[in-house]
Amino acid sequence: MPSPLHLIALTQVALNRWLRAIIILLGPPLIIDGILLLLTALFYQLVPRTVVQLFAYVGGVVLICFACFSLAQMRRQTHEEMAHSATLTYAAVSVAALAELAAPGTWVYWLTIAGPILAEGHQKGYWMVVPFFAGSLVGYYGAAIVSVKLLAWGAGLHKKFNEHLLLLANLLLLILGISYLVRTFLQR
């Protein structure tokens, strides 16, 4: 599933702001992953597994609120007014970064995949785990940029699709937030 930051980057592409889209795709996730890498390396053994469930609920609620706010803003502003609105972009990126941090996938990755690998690196030497994390970075961020590029290319082929890309991205944010809540509730 696309992350909230992917969807915001997609809206920036729809508004013809490629540099901002790439910064949104790379900046907040690198900061979040850097912080989680440090926290996982230092405190992996102490993190309770219930943290994932708590963050899934918080992430779902944050995404639903943000999607509703964005949809309301879309009703009040034209496409051109949205293109020149910096306030919505800063608020969107901040909320999406928090949602990325609160997403269950982020915590599952750091607690079940990256944590044990870092623990092994702590015992055998961190140079042994560098290829895993370097490959993960290139794969994840490369795929993020390529997927947004492909969606933008597709939107460029069909003018009508490009006009509705912003609405589609905001509706997907709403669906993503609801899915966080439903999946977390069902996994209790």
C-alpha atoms as a PDB file:
ATOM      1  CA  MET A   1       0.000   0.000   0.000  1.00  0.00           C
ATOM      2  CA  PRO A   2       1.231   3.500  -0.640  1.00  0.00           C
ATOM      3  CA  SER A   3       2.205   5.486   2.406  1.00  0.00           C
ATOM      4  CA  PRO A   4       0.605   8.849   3.194  1.00  0.00           C
ATOM      5  CA  LEU A   5       3.825  10.510   2.041  1.00  0.00           C
ATOM      6  CA  HIS A   6       3.538   8.742  -1.332  1.00  0.00           C
ATOM      7  CA  LEU A   7       0.032  10.092  -1.738  1.00  0.00           C
ATOM      8  CA  ILE A   8       1.078  13.621  -0.799  1.00  0.00           C
ATOM      9  CA  ALA A   9       3.993  13.406  -3.230  1.00  0.00           C
ATOM     10  CA  LEU A  10       1.518  12.293  -5.866  1.00  0.00           C
ATOM     11  CA  THR A  11      -0.635  15.361  -5.213  1.00  0.00           C
ATOM     12  CA  GLN A  12       2.481  17.524  -5.575  1.00  0.00           C
ATOM     13  CA  VAL A  13       3.174  15.887  -8.932  1.00  0.00           C
ATOM     14  CA  ALA A  14      -0.414  16.621  -9.947  1.00  0.00           C
ATOM     15  CA  LEU A  15       0.291  20.254  -9.061  1.00  0.00           C
ATOM     16  CA  ASN A  16       3.522  20.087 -11.121  1.00  0.00           C
ATOM     17  CA  ARG A  17       5.891  20.355  -8.124  1.00  0.00           C
ATOM     18  CA  TRP A  18       8.399  17.579  -8.817  1.00  0.00           C
ATOM     19  CA  LEU A  19      11.196  18.814  -6.559  1.00  0.00           C
ATOM     20  CA  ARG A  20       8.824  19.131  -3.624  1.00  0.00           C
ATOM     21  CA  ALA A  21       7.462  15.630  -4.348  1.00  0.00           C
ATOM     22  CA  ILE A  22      10.955  14.099  -4.228  1.00  0.00           C
ATOM     23  CA  ILE A  23      11.806  15.966  -1.024  1.00  0.00           C
ATOM     24  CA  ILE A  24       8.560  14.681   0.525  1.00  0.00           C
ATOM     25  CA  LEU A  25       9.359  11.121  -0.569  1.00  0.00           C
ATOM     26  CA  LEU A  26      12.920  11.168   0.789  1.00  0.00           C
ATOM     27  CA  GLY A  27      13.212  13.701   3.628  1.00  0.00           C
ATOM     28  CA  PRO A  28      10.707  12.681   6.317  1.00  0.00           C
ATOM     29  CA  PRO A  29      11.173   8.909   5.840  1.00  0.00           C
ATOM     30  CA  LEU A  30      14.962   9.212   6.085  1.00  0.00           C
ATOM     31  CA  ILE A  31      14.640  11.203   9.298  1.00  0.00           C
ATOM     32  CA  ILE A  32      12.085   8.763  10.732  1.00  0.00           C
ATOM     33  CA  ASP A  33      14.129   5.720   9.711  1.00  0.00           C
ATOM     34  CA  GLY A  34      17.292   7.276  11.125  1.00  0.00           C
ATOM     35  CA  ILE A  35      15.633   7.880  14.480  1.00  0.00           C
ATOM     36  CA  LEU A  36      14.097   4.391  14.525  1.00  0.00           C
ATOM     37  CA  LEU A  37      17.428   2.846  13.547  1.00  0.00           C
ATOM     38  CA  LEU A  38      19.076   4.526  16.521  1.00  0.00           C
ATOM     39  CA  LEU A  39      16.234   3.636  18.910  1.00  0.00           C
ATOM     40  CA  THR A  40      16.149   0.032  17.688  1.00  0.00           C
ATOM     41  CA  ALA A  41      19.897  -0.340  18.062  1.00  0.00           C
ATOM     42  CA  LEU A  42      19.786   1.014  21.621  1.00  0.00           C
ATOM     43  CA  PHE A  43      16.476  -0.261  23.005  1.00  0.00           C
ATOM     44  CA  TYR A  44      15.322  -3.213  20.870  1.00  0.00           C
ATOM     45  CA  GLN A  45      15.052  -5.654  23.767  1.00  0.00           C
ATOM     46  CA  LEU A  46      12.953  -3.245  25.868  1.00  0.00           C
ATOM     47  CA  VAL A  47      10.142  -2.369  23.412  1.00  0.00           C
ATOM     48  CA  PRO A  48       6.815  -4.073  24.275  1.00  0.00           C
ATOM     49  CA  ARG A  49       4.983  -5.663  21.344  1.00  0.00           C
ATOM     50  CA  THR A  50       1.762  -3.790  22.215  1.00  0.00           C
ATOM     51  CA  VAL A  51       3.389  -0.606  20.919  1.00  0.00           C
ATOM     52  CA  VAL A  52       2.596  -1.691  17.355  1.00  0.00           C
ATOM     53  CA  GLN A  53      -1.129  -1.913  18.092  1.00  0.00           C
ATOM     54  CA  LEU A  54      -1.227   1.451  19.847  1.00  0.00           C
ATOM     55  CA  PHE A  55       0.555   3.159  16.953  1.00  0.00           C
ATOM     56  CA  ALA A  56      -1.764   1.522  14.434  1.00  0.00           C
ATOM     57  CA  TYR A  57      -4.801   3.097  16.135  1.00  0.00           C
ATOM     58  CA  VAL A  58      -3.117   6.494  16.385  1.00  0.00           C
ATOM     59  CA  GLY A  59      -1.982   6.302  12.758  1.00  0.00           C
ATOM     60  CA  GLY A  60      -5.459   5.411  11.545  1.00  0.00           C
ATOM     61  CA  VAL A  61      -7.122   8.271  13.401  1.00  0.00           C
ATOM     62  CA  VAL A  62      -4.481  10.775  12.238  1.00  0.00           C
ATOM     63  CA  LEU A  63      -4.909   9.713   8.599  1.00  0.00           C
ATOM     64  CA  ILE A  64      -8.703   9.890   8.736  1.00  0.00           C
ATOM     65  CA  CYS A  65      -8.568  13.386  10.257  1.00  0.00           C
ATOM     66  CA  PHE A  66      -6.008  14.548   7.707  1.00  0.00           C
ATOM     67  CA  ALA A  67      -7.980  13.106   4.773  1.00  0.00           C
ATOM     68  CA  CYS A  68     -11.166  14.818   5.966  1.00  0.00           C
ATOM     69  CA  PHE A  69      -9.287  18.124   6.347  1.00  0.00           C
ATOM     70  CA  SER A  70      -7.786  17.792   2.855  1.00  0.00           C
ATOM     71  CA  LEU A  71     -11.125  16.929   1.286  1.00  0.00           C
ATOM     72  CA  ALA A  72     -12.721  19.944   2.976  1.00  0.00           C
ATOM     73  CA  GLN A  73      -9.916  22.194   1.692  1.00  0.00           C
ATOM     74  CA  MET A  74     -10.451  20.854  -1.826  1.00  0.00           C
ATOM     75  CA  ARG A  75     -14.081  21.945  -1.712  1.00  0.00           C
ATOM     76  CA  ARG A  76     -13.070  25.482  -0.719  1.00  0.00           C
ATOM     77  CA  GLN A  77     -10.167  26.018  -3.138  1.00  0.00           C
ATOM     78  CA  THR A  78      -9.727  25.666  -6.882  1.00  0.00           C
ATOM     79  CA  HIS A  79      -6.923  23.576  -8.407  1.00  0.00           C
ATOM     80  CA  GLU A  80      -4.881  26.766  -8.987  1.00  0.00           C
ATOM     81  CA  GLU A  81      -5.393  28.025  -5.430  1.00  0.00           C
ATOM     82  CA  MET A  82      -4.266  24.638  -4.086  1.00  0.00           C
ATOM     83  CA  ALA A  83      -1.176  24.799  -6.319  1.00  0.00           C
ATOM     84  CA  HIS A  84      -0.150  28.070  -4.668  1.00  0.00           C
ATOM     85  CA  SER A  85      -1.028  27.027  -1.110  1.00  0.00           C
ATOM     86  CA  ALA A  86       2.098  26.329   0.947  1.00  0.00           C
ATOM     87  CA  THR A  87       0.195  26.000   4.235  1.00  0.00           C
ATOM     88  CA  LEU A  88      -1.662  22.870   3.241  1.00  0.00           C
ATOM     89  CA  THR A  89       1.583  21.319   2.001  1.00  0.00           C
ATOM     90  CA  TYR A  90       3.477  21.885   5.277  1.00  0.00           C
ATOM     91  CA  ALA A  91       0.559  20.653   7.355  1.00  0.00           C
ATOM     92  CA  ALA A  92       0.124  17.683   5.033  1.00  0.00           C
ATOM     93  CA  VAL A  93       3.763  16.632   5.235  1.00  0.00           C
ATOM     94  CA  SER A  94       3.838  17.019   9.021  1.00  0.00           C
ATOM     95  CA  VAL A  95       0.709  14.936   9.501  1.00  0.00           C
ATOM     96  CA  ALA A  96       1.847  12.357   6.943  1.00  0.00           C
ATOM     97  CA  ALA A  97       5.235  12.050   8.658  1.00  0.00           C
ATOM     98  CA  LEU A  98       3.457  11.420  11.951  1.00  0.00           C
ATOM     99  CA  ALA A  99       1.208   8.900  10.229  1.00  0.00           C
ATOM    100  CA  GLU A 100       4.284   7.228   8.720  1.00  0.00           C
ATOM    101  CA  LEU A 101       5.782   6.972  12.192  1.00  0.00           C
ATOM    102  CA  ALA A 102       2.500   5.619  13.553  1.00  0.00           C
ATOM    103  CA  ALA A 103       1.918   3.159  10.714  1.00  0.00           C
ATOM    104  CA  PRO A 104       1.882  -0.462  11.843  1.00  0.00           C
ATOM    105  CA  GLY A 105       4.112  -1.482   8.940  1.00  0.00           C
ATOM    106  CA  THR A 106       6.871   0.793  10.182  1.00  0.00           C
ATOM    107  CA  TRP A 107       6.825  -0.763  13.643  1.00  0.00           C
ATOM    108  CA  VAL A 108       6.456  -4.310  12.357  1.00  0.00           C
ATOM    109  CA  TYR A 109       9.519  -3.764  10.159  1.00  0.00           C
ATOM    110  CA  TRP A 110      11.654  -2.312  12.953  1.00  0.00           C
ATOM    111  CA  LEU A 111      10.539  -4.800  15.625  1.00  0.00           C
ATOM    112  CA  THR A 112      10.460  -8.019  13.595  1.00  0.00           C
ATOM    113  CA  ILE A 113      12.959  -7.570  10.747  1.00  0.00           C
ATOM    114  CA  ALA A 114      15.406  -4.758  11.416  1.00  0.00           C
ATOM    115  CA  GLY A 115      15.595  -5.309  15.190  1.00  0.00           C
ATOM    116  CA  PRO A 116      16.856  -8.897  15.016  1.00  0.00           C
ATOM    117  CA  ILE A 117      19.277  -7.970  12.223  1.00  0.00           C
ATOM    118  CA  LEU A 118      20.656  -5.103  14.311  1.00  0.00           C
ATOM    119  CA  ALA A 119      20.918  -7.435  17.313  1.00  0.00           C
ATOM    120  CA  GLU A 120      22.949  -9.832  15.160  1.00  0.00           C
ATOM    121  CA  GLY A 121      25.082  -6.920  13.974  1.00  0.00           C
ATOM    122  CA  HIS A 122      25.705  -5.971  17.593  1.00  0.00           C
ATOM    123  CA  GLN A 123      27.076  -9.471  18.248  1.00  0.00           C
ATOM    124  CA  LYS A 124      28.976 -10.112  14.990  1.00  0.00           C
ATOM    125  CA  GLY A 125      29.830  -6.581  13.901  1.00  0.00           C
ATOM    126  CA  TYR A 126      27.727  -3.901  12.294  1.00  0.00           C
ATOM    127  CA  TRP A 127      29.583  -4.115   8.982  1.00  0.00           C
ATOM    128  CA  MET A 128      27.822  -7.431   8.377  1.00  0.00           C
ATOM    129  CA  VAL A 129      24.383  -5.761   8.361  1.00  0.00           C
ATOM    130  CA  VAL A 130      25.281  -2.663   6.330  1.00  0.00           C
ATOM    131  CA  PRO A 131      24.471  -4.351   2.977  1.00  0.00           C
ATOM    132  CA  PHE A 132      20.969  -5.224   4.198  1.00  0.00           C
ATOM    133  CA  PHE A 133      20.177  -1.661   5.243  1.00  0.00           C
ATOM    134  CA  ALA A 134      21.837  -0.108   2.180  1.00  0.00           C
ATOM    135  CA  GLY A 135      19.830  -2.408  -0.098  1.00  0.00           C
ATOM    136  CA  SER A 136      16.664  -1.604   1.807  1.00  0.00           C
ATOM    137  CA  LEU A 137      17.230   2.129   1.404  1.00  0.00           C
ATOM    138  CA  VAL A 138      17.917   1.920  -2.320  1.00  0.00           C
ATOM    139  CA  GLY A 139      15.008  -0.464  -2.898  1.00  0.00           C
ATOM    140  CA  TYR A 140      12.417   1.377  -0.823  1.00  0.00           C
ATOM    141  CA  TYR A 141      13.225   4.926  -1.890  1.00  0.00           C
ATOM    142  CA  GLY A 142      13.913   3.937  -5.476  1.00  0.00           C
ATOM    143  CA  ALA A 143      10.551   2.186  -5.684  1.00  0.00           C
ATOM    144  CA  ALA A 144       8.837   5.209  -4.119  1.00  0.00           C
ATOM    145  CA  ILE A 145      10.216   7.591  -6.730  1.00  0.00           C
ATOM    146  CA  VAL A 146       9.574   5.212  -9.632  1.00  0.00           C
ATOM    147  CA  SER A 147       5.971   4.554  -8.546  1.00  0.00           C
ATOM    148  CA  VAL A 148       5.164   8.269  -8.286  1.00  0.00           C
ATOM    149  CA  LYS A 149       6.868   8.860 -11.631  1.00  0.00           C
ATOM    150  CA  LEU A 150       4.758   6.127 -13.271  1.00  0.00           C
ATOM    151  CA  LEU A 151       1.535   7.489 -11.789  1.00  0.00           C
ATOM    152  CA  ALA A 152       2.426  10.979 -12.989  1.00  0.00           C
ATOM    153  CA  TRP A 153       3.213   9.629 -16.438  1.00  0.00           C
ATOM    154  CA  GLY A 154      -0.153   7.868 -16.518  1.00  0.00           C
ATOM    155  CA  ALA A 155      -1.864  11.048 -15.386  1.00  0.00           C
ATOM    156  CA  GLY A 156      -0.119  12.974 -18.152  1.00  0.00           C
ATOM    157  CA  LEU A 157      -1.570  10.626 -20.739  1.00  0.00           C
ATOM    158  CA  HIS A 158      -5.127  11.346 -19.655  1.00  0.00           C
ATOM    159  CA  LYS A 159      -5.967  14.964 -18.827  1.00  0.00           C
ATOM    160  CA  LYS A 160      -9.180  14.002 -16.982  1.00  0.00           C
ATOM    161  CA  PHE A 161      -7.229  11.642 -14.719  1.00  0.00           C
ATOM    162  CA  ASN A 162      -4.783  14.424 -13.809  1.00  0.00           C
ATOM    163  CA  GLU A 163      -7.667  16.684 -12.803  1.00  0.00           C
ATOM    164  CA  HIS A 164      -8.971  14.064 -10.382  1.00  0.00           C
ATOM    165  CA  LEU A 165      -5.596  12.894  -9.060  1.00  0.00           C
ATOM    166  CA  LEU A 166      -5.777  15.156  -5.996  1.00  0.00           C
ATOM    167  CA  LEU A 167      -9.233  13.855  -5.067  1.00  0.00           C
ATOM    168  CA  LEU A 168      -8.115  10.271  -5.627  1.00  0.00           C
ATOM    169  CA  ALA A 169      -5.035  10.690  -3.413  1.00  0.00           C
ATOM    170  CA  ASN A 170      -7.108  12.188  -0.585  1.00  0.00           C
ATOM    171  CA  LEU A 171      -9.724   9.448  -0.828  1.00  0.00           C
ATOM    172  CA  LEU A 172      -6.927   6.856  -0.697  1.00  0.00           C
ATOM    173  CA  LEU A 173      -5.636   8.524   2.487  1.00  0.00           C
ATOM    174  CA  LEU A 174      -9.089   8.145   4.020  1.00  0.00           C
ATOM    175  CA  ILE A 175      -9.260   4.478   2.992  1.00  0.00           C
ATOM    176  CA  LEU A 176      -5.730   3.873   4.316  1.00  0.00           C
ATOM    177  CA  GLY A 177      -6.669   5.362   7.711  1.00  0.00           C
ATOM    178  CA  ILE A 178      -9.804   3.245   7.942  1.00  0.00           C
ATOM    179  CA  SER A 179      -7.837   0.138   6.955  1.00  0.00           C
ATOM    180  CA  TYR A 180      -5.309   0.800   9.759  1.00  0.00           C
ATOM    181  CA  LEU A 181      -8.150   0.838  12.277  1.00  0.00           C
ATOM    182  CA  VAL A 182      -9.929  -2.213  10.863  1.00  0.00           C
ATOM    183  CA  ARG A 183      -6.778  -4.345  10.606  1.00  0.00           C
ATOM    184  CA  THR A 184      -5.661  -3.414  14.097  1.00  0.00           C
ATOM    185  CA  PHE A 185      -9.101  -4.148  15.550  1.00  0.00           C
ATOM    186  CA  LEU A 186      -9.273  -7.530  13.795  1.00  0.00           C
ATOM    187  CA  GLN A 187      -5.770  -8.506  14.982  1.00  0.00           C
ATOM    188  CA  ARG A 188      -6.509  -7.933  18.670  1.00  0.00           C
END
